[in-house]
Amino acid sequence: MRDRNRTGQHFAVRGGNKTGQHFVVRDENKTGQRFTARGGNRAGRFLTAGFSCAAAVVLLITIYRDLPQGESAQRGLLQAVSAGSAVDLDENAASDREQDPDENAASDGERDPDENSASEEDQDPDDVRRVALTFDDGPHPVWTVRLLDGLAERSVQATFFVIGKNIPGNEDIIARMDQEGHLIGNHTYDHVKISELSVNEACEQVEKTSALVKTITGKDTEYVRPPFGSWCQDLECSFEMFPVLWDVDPLDWTTKNTSDVVRRVLEAVEPDDIILLHDCYESSVEAALLVVDALQEQGYEFVTVDELILE
């Protein structure tokens, strides 16, 4: 369950850690904490201080009665429970057992290639570090084109929130965005504050822009970046809209210093973040491509905002 519009909190409840259960409850509005409760990956369970001490001891003695382990392991386990620590039953048991020499030999030998490929296929998609790169205020006849060239060289898709009045004369750029797999969003026709307009005026701003894009791509601009982050939650126009804000804003429009913009982004970015930049400034375009290079080296995958919001 998530509010991925960046207007409220973001909670995720996830299940499935293969043999055990893995539940995560997160507040990703970066104002709270992250709590994890999980089941063991093996046959045991993680026990936490939620049990009373006496109940936990009785339960553990019952489970441990038939396990091949030493007295020291039992004593260490009971001490851990008394202290309210999390205990993995199998890990304690394994520490007191002698490993089978054949098992060691097998582990040192060559692995079945099918096992390796299976482990890669089973990788939890939630472990992939993703980020969405977004650009406002285009299309620009020079800098947007240069940006598209750089993104194509790096096989990266981004999201472009375009201003309607900038589209006439730049229709080929809009067409290229769509053809190369980028997501085209709406940034109103005149770059106005939606919350200060009447419903009819607000709808006209997004509908005019969407109509221009649709004549080129055949698609409405369902994702709207309201200028100044100002949005009316109950706004309903002629097509479904999803307001999209941001997590990282380096204020690139305030400086021509490319290095400063890159530094601000890299210092702030975290997985699943939406980065705000502008494709109407040379320094911002240069910074964006340097950010892509740096984050790709760190293992980040670039996605369009719909992949984060509607996951």
C-alpha atoms as a PDB file:
ATOM      1  CA  MET A   1       0.000   0.000   0.000  1.00  0.00           C
ATOM      2  CA  ARG A   2       1.704   3.134  -1.112  1.00  0.00           C
ATOM      3  CA  ASP A   3       1.176   6.808  -1.627  1.00  0.00           C
ATOM      4  CA  ARG A   4       3.748   7.355  -4.320  1.00  0.00           C
ATOM      5  CA  ASN A   5       2.594  10.853  -5.281  1.00  0.00           C
ATOM      6  CA  ARG A   6       5.046  12.270  -2.776  1.00  0.00           C
ATOM      7  CA  THR A   7       2.199  14.211  -1.185  1.00  0.00           C
ATOM      8  CA  GLY A   8       1.842  12.019   1.871  1.00  0.00           C
ATOM      9  CA  GLN A   9       3.423   9.035   3.530  1.00  0.00           C
ATOM     10  CA  HIS A  10       4.666   5.960   1.768  1.00  0.00           C
ATOM     11  CA  PHE A  11       4.021   2.592   3.325  1.00  0.00           C
ATOM     12  CA  ALA A  12       4.895  -0.794   1.905  1.00  0.00           C
ATOM     13  CA  VAL A  13       3.892  -4.212   3.166  1.00  0.00           C
ATOM     14  CA  ARG A  14       5.743  -6.986   1.446  1.00  0.00           C
ATOM     15  CA  GLY A  15       5.692 -10.723   1.744  1.00  0.00           C
ATOM     16  CA  GLY A  16       7.792 -13.579   0.508  1.00  0.00           C
ATOM     17  CA  ASN A  17      11.308 -14.399   1.547  1.00  0.00           C
ATOM     18  CA  LYS A  18      11.245 -17.753  -0.219  1.00  0.00           C
ATOM     19  CA  THR A  19      11.107 -20.310   2.625  1.00  0.00           C
ATOM     20  CA  GLY A  20      10.174 -17.841   5.341  1.00  0.00           C
ATOM     21  CA  GLN A  21       8.049 -14.751   5.622  1.00  0.00           C
ATOM     22  CA  HIS A  22       9.459 -11.260   5.239  1.00  0.00           C
ATOM     23  CA  PHE A  23       7.278  -8.316   6.079  1.00  0.00           C
ATOM     24  CA  VAL A  24       8.426  -4.708   5.877  1.00  0.00           C
ATOM     25  CA  VAL A  25       6.519  -1.675   7.041  1.00  0.00           C
ATOM     26  CA  ARG A  26       8.145   1.533   5.881  1.00  0.00           C
ATOM     27  CA  ASP A  27       7.631   5.222   6.210  1.00  0.00           C
ATOM     28  CA  GLU A  28       9.552   6.397   3.141  1.00  0.00           C
ATOM     29  CA  ASN A  29       8.642  10.019   3.538  1.00  0.00           C
ATOM     30  CA  LYS A  30      12.018  10.163   5.237  1.00  0.00           C
ATOM     31  CA  THR A  31      10.420  11.437   8.429  1.00  0.00           C
ATOM     32  CA  GLY A  32      10.034   8.183  10.321  1.00  0.00           C
ATOM     33  CA  GLN A  33      11.710   4.901  10.964  1.00  0.00           C
ATOM     34  CA  ARG A  34      11.815   1.586   9.177  1.00  0.00           C
ATOM     35  CA  PHE A  35      10.678  -1.521  10.999  1.00  0.00           C
ATOM     36  CA  THR A  36      11.182  -5.094   9.844  1.00  0.00           C
ATOM     37  CA  ALA A  37       9.690  -8.290  11.198  1.00  0.00           C
ATOM     38  CA  ARG A  38      10.819 -11.421   9.472  1.00  0.00           C
ATOM     39  CA  GLY A  39      10.657 -15.143   9.577  1.00  0.00           C
ATOM     40  CA  GLY A  40      13.754 -17.300   9.420  1.00  0.00           C
ATOM     41  CA  ASN A  41      15.187 -18.373   6.084  1.00  0.00           C
ATOM     42  CA  ARG A  42      15.591 -21.900   7.353  1.00  0.00           C
ATOM     43  CA  ALA A  43      13.424 -24.079   9.636  1.00  0.00           C
ATOM     44  CA  GLY A  44      13.641 -21.795  12.653  1.00  0.00           C
ATOM     45  CA  ARG A  45      11.863 -18.596  13.540  1.00  0.00           C
ATOM     46  CA  PHE A  46      13.074 -15.232  14.720  1.00  0.00           C
ATOM     47  CA  LEU A  47      11.855 -14.621  18.256  1.00  0.00           C
ATOM     48  CA  THR A  48      11.919 -11.117  19.599  1.00  0.00           C
ATOM     49  CA  ALA A  49      11.254  -9.461  22.920  1.00  0.00           C
ATOM     50  CA  GLY A  50       7.539  -9.470  22.130  1.00  0.00           C
ATOM     51  CA  PHE A  51       7.308 -12.808  24.029  1.00  0.00           C
ATOM     52  CA  SER A  52       7.512 -12.859  27.798  1.00  0.00           C
ATOM     53  CA  CYS A  53      10.802 -14.230  29.025  1.00  0.00           C
ATOM     54  CA  ALA A  54       9.199 -17.276  30.646  1.00  0.00           C
ATOM     55  CA  ALA A  55       7.158 -18.180  27.585  1.00  0.00           C
ATOM     56  CA  ALA A  56      10.151 -17.844  25.307  1.00  0.00           C
ATOM     57  CA  VAL A  57      12.322 -20.065  27.525  1.00  0.00           C
ATOM     58  CA  VAL A  58       9.692 -22.802  27.659  1.00  0.00           C
ATOM     59  CA  LEU A  59       9.215 -22.619  23.901  1.00  0.00           C
ATOM     60  CA  LEU A  60      12.926 -22.748  23.168  1.00  0.00           C
ATOM     61  CA  ILE A  61      13.601 -25.651  25.551  1.00  0.00           C
ATOM     62  CA  THR A  62      10.804 -27.593  23.878  1.00  0.00           C
ATOM     63  CA  ILE A  63      12.209 -26.901  20.399  1.00  0.00           C
ATOM     64  CA  TYR A  64      15.786 -27.540  21.418  1.00  0.00           C
ATOM     65  CA  ARG A  65      15.160 -30.768  23.281  1.00  0.00           C
ATOM     66  CA  ASP A  66      15.943 -32.986  20.302  1.00  0.00           C
ATOM     67  CA  LEU A  67      18.528 -30.804  18.559  1.00  0.00           C
ATOM     68  CA  PRO A  68      22.191 -32.029  18.471  1.00  0.00           C
ATOM     69  CA  GLN A  69      23.820 -29.172  20.298  1.00  0.00           C
ATOM     70  CA  GLY A  70      26.029 -28.597  23.289  1.00  0.00           C
ATOM     71  CA  GLU A  71      25.267 -27.294  26.713  1.00  0.00           C
ATOM     72  CA  SER A  72      27.062 -24.028  25.958  1.00  0.00           C
ATOM     73  CA  ALA A  73      24.735 -23.335  23.057  1.00  0.00           C
ATOM     74  CA  GLN A  74      21.662 -23.862  25.250  1.00  0.00           C
ATOM     75  CA  ARG A  75      23.069 -21.555  27.903  1.00  0.00           C
ATOM     76  CA  GLY A  76      23.895 -18.883  25.306  1.00  0.00           C
ATOM     77  CA  LEU A  77      20.442 -19.156  23.804  1.00  0.00           C
ATOM     78  CA  LEU A  78      18.667 -18.720  27.125  1.00  0.00           C
ATOM     79  CA  GLN A  79      20.846 -15.733  27.956  1.00  0.00           C
ATOM     80  CA  ALA A  80      19.955 -14.155  24.627  1.00  0.00           C
ATOM     81  CA  VAL A  81      16.241 -14.639  25.222  1.00  0.00           C
ATOM     82  CA  SER A  82      16.520 -13.203  28.727  1.00  0.00           C
ATOM     83  CA  ALA A  83      18.144 -10.110  27.212  1.00  0.00           C
ATOM     84  CA  GLY A  84      15.317  -9.748  24.702  1.00  0.00           C
ATOM     85  CA  SER A  85      17.540 -10.456  21.691  1.00  0.00           C
ATOM     86  CA  ALA A  86      16.490 -11.889  18.352  1.00  0.00           C
ATOM     87  CA  VAL A  87      17.603 -15.505  18.022  1.00  0.00           C
ATOM     88  CA  ASP A  88      17.899 -17.656  14.910  1.00  0.00           C
ATOM     89  CA  LEU A  89      17.520 -21.246  16.093  1.00  0.00           C
ATOM     90  CA  ASP A  90      19.319 -22.876  13.177  1.00  0.00           C
ATOM     91  CA  GLU A  91      22.297 -20.534  13.397  1.00  0.00           C
ATOM     92  CA  ASN A  92      22.884 -21.497  17.072  1.00  0.00           C
ATOM     93  CA  ALA A  93      22.484 -25.157  16.291  1.00  0.00           C
ATOM     94  CA  ALA A  94      24.843 -24.970  13.344  1.00  0.00           C
ATOM     95  CA  SER A  95      27.553 -23.331  15.440  1.00  0.00           C
ATOM     96  CA  ASP A  96      27.806 -26.450  17.673  1.00  0.00           C
ATOM     97  CA  ARG A  97      27.675 -29.027  14.891  1.00  0.00           C
ATOM     98  CA  GLU A  98      30.609 -30.461  13.012  1.00  0.00           C
ATOM     99  CA  GLN A  99      30.340 -29.871   9.296  1.00  0.00           C
ATOM    100  CA  ASP A 100      30.226 -32.931   7.117  1.00  0.00           C
ATOM    101  CA  PRO A 101      33.557 -33.126   5.228  1.00  0.00           C
ATOM    102  CA  ASP A 102      31.596 -34.085   2.127  1.00  0.00           C
ATOM    103  CA  GLU A 103      29.600 -30.892   2.458  1.00  0.00           C
ATOM    104  CA  ASN A 104      32.810 -28.868   2.629  1.00  0.00           C
ATOM    105  CA  ALA A 105      34.132 -30.615  -0.430  1.00  0.00           C
ATOM    106  CA  ALA A 106      30.943 -29.938  -2.277  1.00  0.00           C
ATOM    107  CA  SER A 107      31.030 -26.277  -1.343  1.00  0.00           C
ATOM    108  CA  ASP A 108      34.599 -25.983  -2.586  1.00  0.00           C
ATOM    109  CA  GLY A 109      33.818 -27.695  -5.849  1.00  0.00           C
ATOM    110  CA  GLU A 110      32.179 -26.338  -8.942  1.00  0.00           C
ATOM    111  CA  ARG A 111      28.572 -25.303  -8.622  1.00  0.00           C
ATOM    112  CA  ASP A 112      25.865 -26.405 -10.956  1.00  0.00           C
ATOM    113  CA  PRO A 113      25.450 -23.581 -13.510  1.00  0.00           C
ATOM    114  CA  ASP A 114      21.698 -24.108 -13.342  1.00  0.00           C
ATOM    115  CA  GLU A 115      21.773 -23.337  -9.613  1.00  0.00           C
ATOM    116  CA  ASN A 116      23.600 -20.065 -10.244  1.00  0.00           C
ATOM    117  CA  SER A 117      21.147 -18.980 -12.908  1.00  0.00           C
ATOM    118  CA  ALA A 118      18.232 -19.926 -10.683  1.00  0.00           C
ATOM    119  CA  SER A 119      19.561 -17.818  -7.797  1.00  0.00           C
ATOM    120  CA  GLU A 120      19.873 -14.819 -10.101  1.00  0.00           C
ATOM    121  CA  GLU A 121      16.346 -15.310 -11.410  1.00  0.00           C
ATOM    122  CA  ASP A 122      14.999 -15.574  -7.854  1.00  0.00           C
ATOM    123  CA  GLN A 123      16.494 -12.233  -6.852  1.00  0.00           C
ATOM    124  CA  ASP A 124      13.916 -10.116  -5.068  1.00  0.00           C
ATOM    125  CA  PRO A 125      13.030  -7.178  -7.367  1.00  0.00           C
ATOM    126  CA  ASP A 126      12.767  -5.048  -4.216  1.00  0.00           C
ATOM    127  CA  ASP A 127      16.549  -5.395  -3.840  1.00  0.00           C
ATOM    128  CA  VAL A 128      17.133  -3.529  -7.121  1.00  0.00           C
ATOM    129  CA  ARG A 129      18.064   0.095  -6.563  1.00  0.00           C
ATOM    130  CA  ARG A 130      15.912   2.194  -8.854  1.00  0.00           C
ATOM    131  CA  VAL A 131      15.565   5.904  -9.409  1.00  0.00           C
ATOM    132  CA  ALA A 132      13.467   8.082 -11.714  1.00  0.00           C
ATOM    133  CA  LEU A 133      15.036  11.004 -13.556  1.00  0.00           C
ATOM    134  CA  THR A 134      12.503  13.729 -14.435  1.00  0.00           C
ATOM    135  CA  PHE A 135      12.784  16.959 -16.405  1.00  0.00           C
ATOM    136  CA  ASP A 136      10.547  20.015 -16.349  1.00  0.00           C
ATOM    137  CA  ASP A 137       9.922  22.999 -18.637  1.00  0.00           C
ATOM    138  CA  GLY A 138      10.843  21.517 -22.014  1.00  0.00           C
ATOM    139  CA  PRO A 139      10.980  20.804 -24.790  1.00  0.00           C
ATOM    140  CA  HIS A 140      13.948  23.007 -25.623  1.00  0.00           C
ATOM    141  CA  PRO A 141      15.146  22.930 -29.260  1.00  0.00           C
ATOM    142  CA  VAL A 142      18.817  22.623 -28.266  1.00  0.00           C
ATOM    143  CA  TRP A 143      19.250  21.285 -24.727  1.00  0.00           C
ATOM    144  CA  THR A 144      16.460  18.723 -24.806  1.00  0.00           C
ATOM    145  CA  VAL A 145      17.937  17.273 -27.996  1.00  0.00           C
ATOM    146  CA  ARG A 146      21.376  17.073 -26.417  1.00  0.00           C
ATOM    147  CA  LEU A 147      19.877  15.389 -23.372  1.00  0.00           C
ATOM    148  CA  LEU A 148      18.046  12.818 -25.493  1.00  0.00           C
ATOM    149  CA  ASP A 149      21.300  12.044 -27.301  1.00  0.00           C
ATOM    150  CA  GLY A 150      23.091  11.441 -23.982  1.00  0.00           C
ATOM    151  CA  LEU A 151      20.305   9.303 -22.544  1.00  0.00           C
ATOM    152  CA  ALA A 152      20.220   7.196 -25.707  1.00  0.00           C
ATOM    153  CA  GLU A 153      23.971   6.579 -25.459  1.00  0.00           C
ATOM    154  CA  ARG A 154      23.444   5.334 -21.895  1.00  0.00           C
ATOM    155  CA  SER A 155      20.255   3.328 -22.599  1.00  0.00           C
ATOM    156  CA  VAL A 156      18.340   5.345 -20.005  1.00  0.00           C
ATOM    157  CA  GLN A 157      14.656   6.279 -20.035  1.00  0.00           C
ATOM    158  CA  ALA A 158      13.441   9.403 -18.253  1.00  0.00           C
ATOM    159  CA  THR A 159      10.223  11.322 -17.695  1.00  0.00           C
ATOM    160  CA  PHE A 160       9.637  14.701 -19.350  1.00  0.00           C
ATOM    161  CA  PHE A 161       7.014  17.066 -17.947  1.00  0.00           C
ATOM    162  CA  VAL A 162       6.478  19.381 -20.873  1.00  0.00           C
ATOM    163  CA  ILE A 163       4.989  22.875 -21.043  1.00  0.00           C
ATOM    164  CA  GLY A 164       2.277  23.099 -23.680  1.00  0.00           C
ATOM    165  CA  LYS A 165       3.304  26.431 -25.150  1.00  0.00           C
ATOM    166  CA  ASN A 166       6.796  25.028 -25.824  1.00  0.00           C
ATOM    167  CA  ILE A 167       5.495  22.222 -28.033  1.00  0.00           C
ATOM    168  CA  PRO A 168       4.637  24.081 -31.281  1.00  0.00           C
ATOM    169  CA  GLY A 169       7.740  23.957 -33.475  1.00  0.00           C
ATOM    170  CA  ASN A 170       9.237  21.130 -31.368  1.00  0.00           C
ATOM    171  CA  GLU A 171       6.827  18.353 -32.298  1.00  0.00           C
ATOM    172  CA  ASP A 172       9.710  16.221 -33.588  1.00  0.00           C
ATOM    173  CA  ILE A 173      11.275  16.281 -30.117  1.00  0.00           C
ATOM    174  CA  ILE A 174       8.033  15.074 -28.514  1.00  0.00           C
ATOM    175  CA  ALA A 175       7.816  12.309 -31.111  1.00  0.00           C
ATOM    176  CA  ARG A 176      11.399  11.274 -30.410  1.00  0.00           C
ATOM    177  CA  MET A 177      10.779  11.153 -26.649  1.00  0.00           C
ATOM    178  CA  ASP A 178       7.912   8.752 -27.221  1.00  0.00           C
ATOM    179  CA  GLN A 179       9.758   6.620 -29.776  1.00  0.00           C
ATOM    180  CA  GLU A 180      12.767   6.191 -27.485  1.00  0.00           C
ATOM    181  CA  GLY A 181      10.705   4.960 -24.540  1.00  0.00           C
ATOM    182  CA  HIS A 182      10.566   8.074 -22.389  1.00  0.00           C
ATOM    183  CA  LEU A 183       7.412   8.975 -20.493  1.00  0.00           C
ATOM    184  CA  ILE A 184       5.840  12.311 -21.439  1.00  0.00           C
ATOM    185  CA  GLY A 185       4.081  14.128 -18.623  1.00  0.00           C
ATOM    186  CA  ASN A 186       2.172  17.382 -18.295  1.00  0.00           C
ATOM    187  CA  HIS A 187       3.518  20.616 -16.775  1.00  0.00           C
ATOM    188  CA  THR A 188       0.495  22.765 -17.743  1.00  0.00           C
ATOM    189  CA  TYR A 189       0.298  24.985 -20.805  1.00  0.00           C
ATOM    190  CA  ASP A 190       1.608  28.237 -19.327  1.00  0.00           C
ATOM    191  CA  HIS A 191       3.524  27.030 -16.225  1.00  0.00           C
ATOM    192  CA  VAL A 192       0.906  28.338 -13.809  1.00  0.00           C
ATOM    193  CA  LYS A 193       0.022  27.557 -10.197  1.00  0.00           C
ATOM    194  CA  ILE A 194      -2.937  25.192 -10.476  1.00  0.00           C
ATOM    195  CA  SER A 195      -4.204  25.824  -6.959  1.00  0.00           C
ATOM    196  CA  GLU A 196      -4.851  29.498  -7.740  1.00  0.00           C
ATOM    197  CA  LEU A 197      -7.084  28.754 -10.743  1.00  0.00           C
ATOM    198  CA  SER A 198     -10.711  27.845 -11.036  1.00  0.00           C
ATOM    199  CA  VAL A 199     -11.512  24.233 -11.915  1.00  0.00           C
ATOM    200  CA  ASN A 200     -12.274  25.178 -15.518  1.00  0.00           C
ATOM    201  CA  GLU A 201      -9.059  27.186 -15.864  1.00  0.00           C
ATOM    202  CA  ALA A 202      -6.962  24.442 -14.272  1.00  0.00           C
ATOM    203  CA  CYS A 203      -8.439  21.776 -16.534  1.00  0.00           C
ATOM    204  CA  GLU A 204      -7.859  23.951 -19.576  1.00  0.00           C
ATOM    205  CA  GLN A 205      -4.165  24.220 -18.696  1.00  0.00           C
ATOM    206  CA  VAL A 206      -3.621  20.464 -18.541  1.00  0.00           C
ATOM    207  CA  GLU A 207      -6.057  19.543 -21.301  1.00  0.00           C
ATOM    208  CA  LYS A 208      -4.509  21.900 -23.869  1.00  0.00           C
ATOM    209  CA  THR A 209      -1.070  20.445 -23.208  1.00  0.00           C
ATOM    210  CA  SER A 210      -2.343  16.883 -23.284  1.00  0.00           C
ATOM    211  CA  ALA A 211      -4.171  17.482 -26.571  1.00  0.00           C
ATOM    212  CA  LEU A 212      -0.981  18.719 -28.234  1.00  0.00           C
ATOM    213  CA  VAL A 213       0.962  15.682 -27.046  1.00  0.00           C
ATOM    214  CA  LYS A 214      -1.807  13.306 -28.059  1.00  0.00           C
ATOM    215  CA  THR A 215      -1.842  14.590 -31.636  1.00  0.00           C
ATOM    216  CA  ILE A 216       1.821  13.539 -31.842  1.00  0.00           C
ATOM    217  CA  THR A 217       1.947  10.329 -29.765  1.00  0.00           C
ATOM    218  CA  GLY A 218      -1.667   9.209 -29.599  1.00  0.00           C
ATOM    219  CA  LYS A 219      -1.508   9.231 -25.778  1.00  0.00           C
ATOM    220  CA  ASP A 220      -2.873  11.490 -23.069  1.00  0.00           C
ATOM    221  CA  THR A 221      -0.441  12.900 -20.508  1.00  0.00           C
ATOM    222  CA  GLU A 222      -1.759  11.100 -17.432  1.00  0.00           C
ATOM    223  CA  TYR A 223       1.151  12.110 -15.202  1.00  0.00           C
ATOM    224  CA  VAL A 224       1.096  15.766 -14.176  1.00  0.00           C
ATOM    225  CA  ARG A 225       3.890  17.697 -12.479  1.00  0.00           C
ATOM    226  CA  PRO A 226       2.106  20.755 -11.054  1.00  0.00           C
ATOM    227  CA  PRO A 227       4.304  23.861 -11.276  1.00  0.00           C
ATOM    228  CA  PHE A 228       5.618  24.893  -7.847  1.00  0.00           C
ATOM    229  CA  GLY A 229       4.261  21.603  -6.472  1.00  0.00           C
ATOM    230  CA  SER A 230       0.851  23.222  -6.094  1.00  0.00           C
ATOM    231  CA  TRP A 231      -2.019  20.821  -6.834  1.00  0.00           C
ATOM    232  CA  CYS A 232      -5.754  20.506  -6.161  1.00  0.00           C
ATOM    233  CA  GLN A 233      -6.379  16.985  -4.898  1.00  0.00           C
ATOM    234  CA  ASP A 234     -10.009  16.933  -6.048  1.00  0.00           C
ATOM    235  CA  LEU A 235      -9.332  18.240  -9.552  1.00  0.00           C
ATOM    236  CA  GLU A 236     -11.137  16.155 -12.187  1.00  0.00           C
ATOM    237  CA  CYS A 237     -10.735  16.891 -15.884  1.00  0.00           C
ATOM    238  CA  SER A 238     -11.469  15.008 -19.100  1.00  0.00           C
ATOM    239  CA  PHE A 239      -8.836  12.314 -18.514  1.00  0.00           C
ATOM    240  CA  GLU A 240      -7.370  10.497 -15.519  1.00  0.00           C
ATOM    241  CA  MET A 241      -4.405  12.283 -13.961  1.00  0.00           C
ATOM    242  CA  PHE A 242      -1.739  11.334 -11.439  1.00  0.00           C
ATOM    243  CA  PRO A 243       0.092  14.241  -9.788  1.00  0.00           C
ATOM    244  CA  VAL A 244       3.815  13.576  -9.455  1.00  0.00           C
ATOM    245  CA  LEU A 245       6.047  15.573  -7.136  1.00  0.00           C
ATOM    246  CA  TRP A 246       9.693  14.785  -6.316  1.00  0.00           C
ATOM    247  CA  ASP A 247      12.166  13.638  -3.646  1.00  0.00           C
ATOM    248  CA  VAL A 248      15.411  15.279  -4.783  1.00  0.00           C
ATOM    249  CA  ASP A 249      15.488  18.904  -5.952  1.00  0.00           C
ATOM    250  CA  PRO A 250      19.013  20.275  -6.484  1.00  0.00           C
ATOM    251  CA  LEU A 251      17.595  23.692  -7.448  1.00  0.00           C
ATOM    252  CA  ASP A 252      19.478  23.436 -10.711  1.00  0.00           C
ATOM    253  CA  TRP A 253      17.711  26.510 -12.097  1.00  0.00           C
ATOM    254  CA  THR A 254      19.470  28.692  -9.482  1.00  0.00           C
ATOM    255  CA  THR A 255      23.011  27.966 -10.669  1.00  0.00           C
ATOM    256  CA  LYS A 256      25.071  27.358 -13.791  1.00  0.00           C
ATOM    257  CA  ASN A 257      27.595  25.376 -11.788  1.00  0.00           C
ATOM    258  CA  THR A 258      27.278  21.839 -13.103  1.00  0.00           C
ATOM    259  CA  SER A 259      29.425  20.339 -10.344  1.00  0.00           C
ATOM    260  CA  ASP A 260      27.203  21.822  -7.634  1.00  0.00           C
ATOM    261  CA  VAL A 261      24.105  20.315  -9.190  1.00  0.00           C
ATOM    262  CA  VAL A 262      25.727  16.879  -9.454  1.00  0.00           C
ATOM    263  CA  ARG A 263      26.934  17.031  -5.861  1.00  0.00           C
ATOM    264  CA  ARG A 264      23.523  18.021  -4.520  1.00  0.00           C
ATOM    265  CA  VAL A 265      21.823  15.120  -6.283  1.00  0.00           C
ATOM    266  CA  LEU A 266      24.368  12.475  -5.304  1.00  0.00           C
ATOM    267  CA  GLU A 267      24.373  13.567  -1.669  1.00  0.00           C
ATOM    268  CA  ALA A 268      20.588  13.323  -1.395  1.00  0.00           C
ATOM    269  CA  VAL A 269      19.477  10.465  -3.644  1.00  0.00           C
ATOM    270  CA  GLU A 270      18.181   7.176  -2.257  1.00  0.00           C
ATOM    271  CA  PRO A 271      16.565   4.141  -3.895  1.00  0.00           C
ATOM    272  CA  ASP A 272      13.077   4.760  -5.340  1.00  0.00           C
ATOM    273  CA  ASP A 273      13.612   8.531  -5.389  1.00  0.00           C
ATOM    274  CA  ILE A 274      12.293  10.896  -8.039  1.00  0.00           C
ATOM    275  CA  ILE A 275      14.912  13.444  -9.113  1.00  0.00           C
ATOM    276  CA  LEU A 276      13.805  16.853 -10.390  1.00  0.00           C
ATOM    277  CA  LEU A 277      15.883  18.622 -13.048  1.00  0.00           C
ATOM    278  CA  HIS A 278      15.215  20.917 -16.028  1.00  0.00           C
ATOM    279  CA  ASP A 279      16.026  20.274 -19.688  1.00  0.00           C
ATOM    280  CA  CYS A 280      15.990  23.953 -20.647  1.00  0.00           C
ATOM    281  CA  TYR A 281      19.442  24.763 -19.221  1.00  0.00           C
ATOM    282  CA  GLU A 282      22.790  23.623 -20.583  1.00  0.00           C
ATOM    283  CA  SER A 283      24.280  23.189 -17.094  1.00  0.00           C
ATOM    284  CA  SER A 284      21.329  21.054 -15.991  1.00  0.00           C
ATOM    285  CA  VAL A 285      21.615  18.764 -19.000  1.00  0.00           C
ATOM    286  CA  GLU A 286      25.343  18.317 -18.427  1.00  0.00           C
ATOM    287  CA  ALA A 287      24.709  17.621 -14.745  1.00  0.00           C
ATOM    288  CA  ALA A 288      21.988  15.096 -15.534  1.00  0.00           C
ATOM    289  CA  LEU A 289      24.289  12.983 -17.700  1.00  0.00           C
ATOM    290  CA  LEU A 290      27.031  13.067 -15.057  1.00  0.00           C
ATOM    291  CA  VAL A 291      24.480  11.977 -12.451  1.00  0.00           C
ATOM    292  CA  VAL A 292      23.437   9.088 -14.690  1.00  0.00           C
ATOM    293  CA  ASP A 293      27.058   7.970 -15.064  1.00  0.00           C
ATOM    294  CA  ALA A 294      27.687   8.139 -11.318  1.00  0.00           C
ATOM    295  CA  LEU A 295      24.510   6.321 -10.297  1.00  0.00           C
ATOM    296  CA  GLN A 296      24.949   3.617 -12.915  1.00  0.00           C
ATOM    297  CA  GLU A 297      28.394   2.935 -11.455  1.00  0.00           C
ATOM    298  CA  GLN A 298      26.675   2.529  -8.078  1.00  0.00           C
ATOM    299  CA  GLY A 299      24.309  -0.034  -9.541  1.00  0.00           C
ATOM    300  CA  TYR A 300      21.204   2.105  -9.912  1.00  0.00           C
ATOM    301  CA  GLU A 301      18.613   1.335 -12.572  1.00  0.00           C
ATOM    302  CA  PHE A 302      16.769   4.244 -14.182  1.00  0.00           C
ATOM    303  CA  VAL A 303      13.014   3.944 -14.643  1.00  0.00           C
ATOM    304  CA  THR A 304      10.152   6.223 -15.604  1.00  0.00           C
ATOM    305  CA  VAL A 305       7.924   7.536 -12.809  1.00  0.00           C
ATOM    306  CA  ASP A 306       4.996   5.278 -13.663  1.00  0.00           C
ATOM    307  CA  GLU A 307       7.131   2.280 -12.731  1.00  0.00           C
ATOM    308  CA  LEU A 308       7.618   3.693  -9.236  1.00  0.00           C
ATOM    309  CA  ILE A 309       4.114   5.039  -8.678  1.00  0.00           C
ATOM    310  CA  LEU A 310       2.106   2.109 -10.003  1.00  0.00           C
ATOM    311  CA  GLU A 311       4.323  -0.772  -8.879  1.00  0.00           C
END
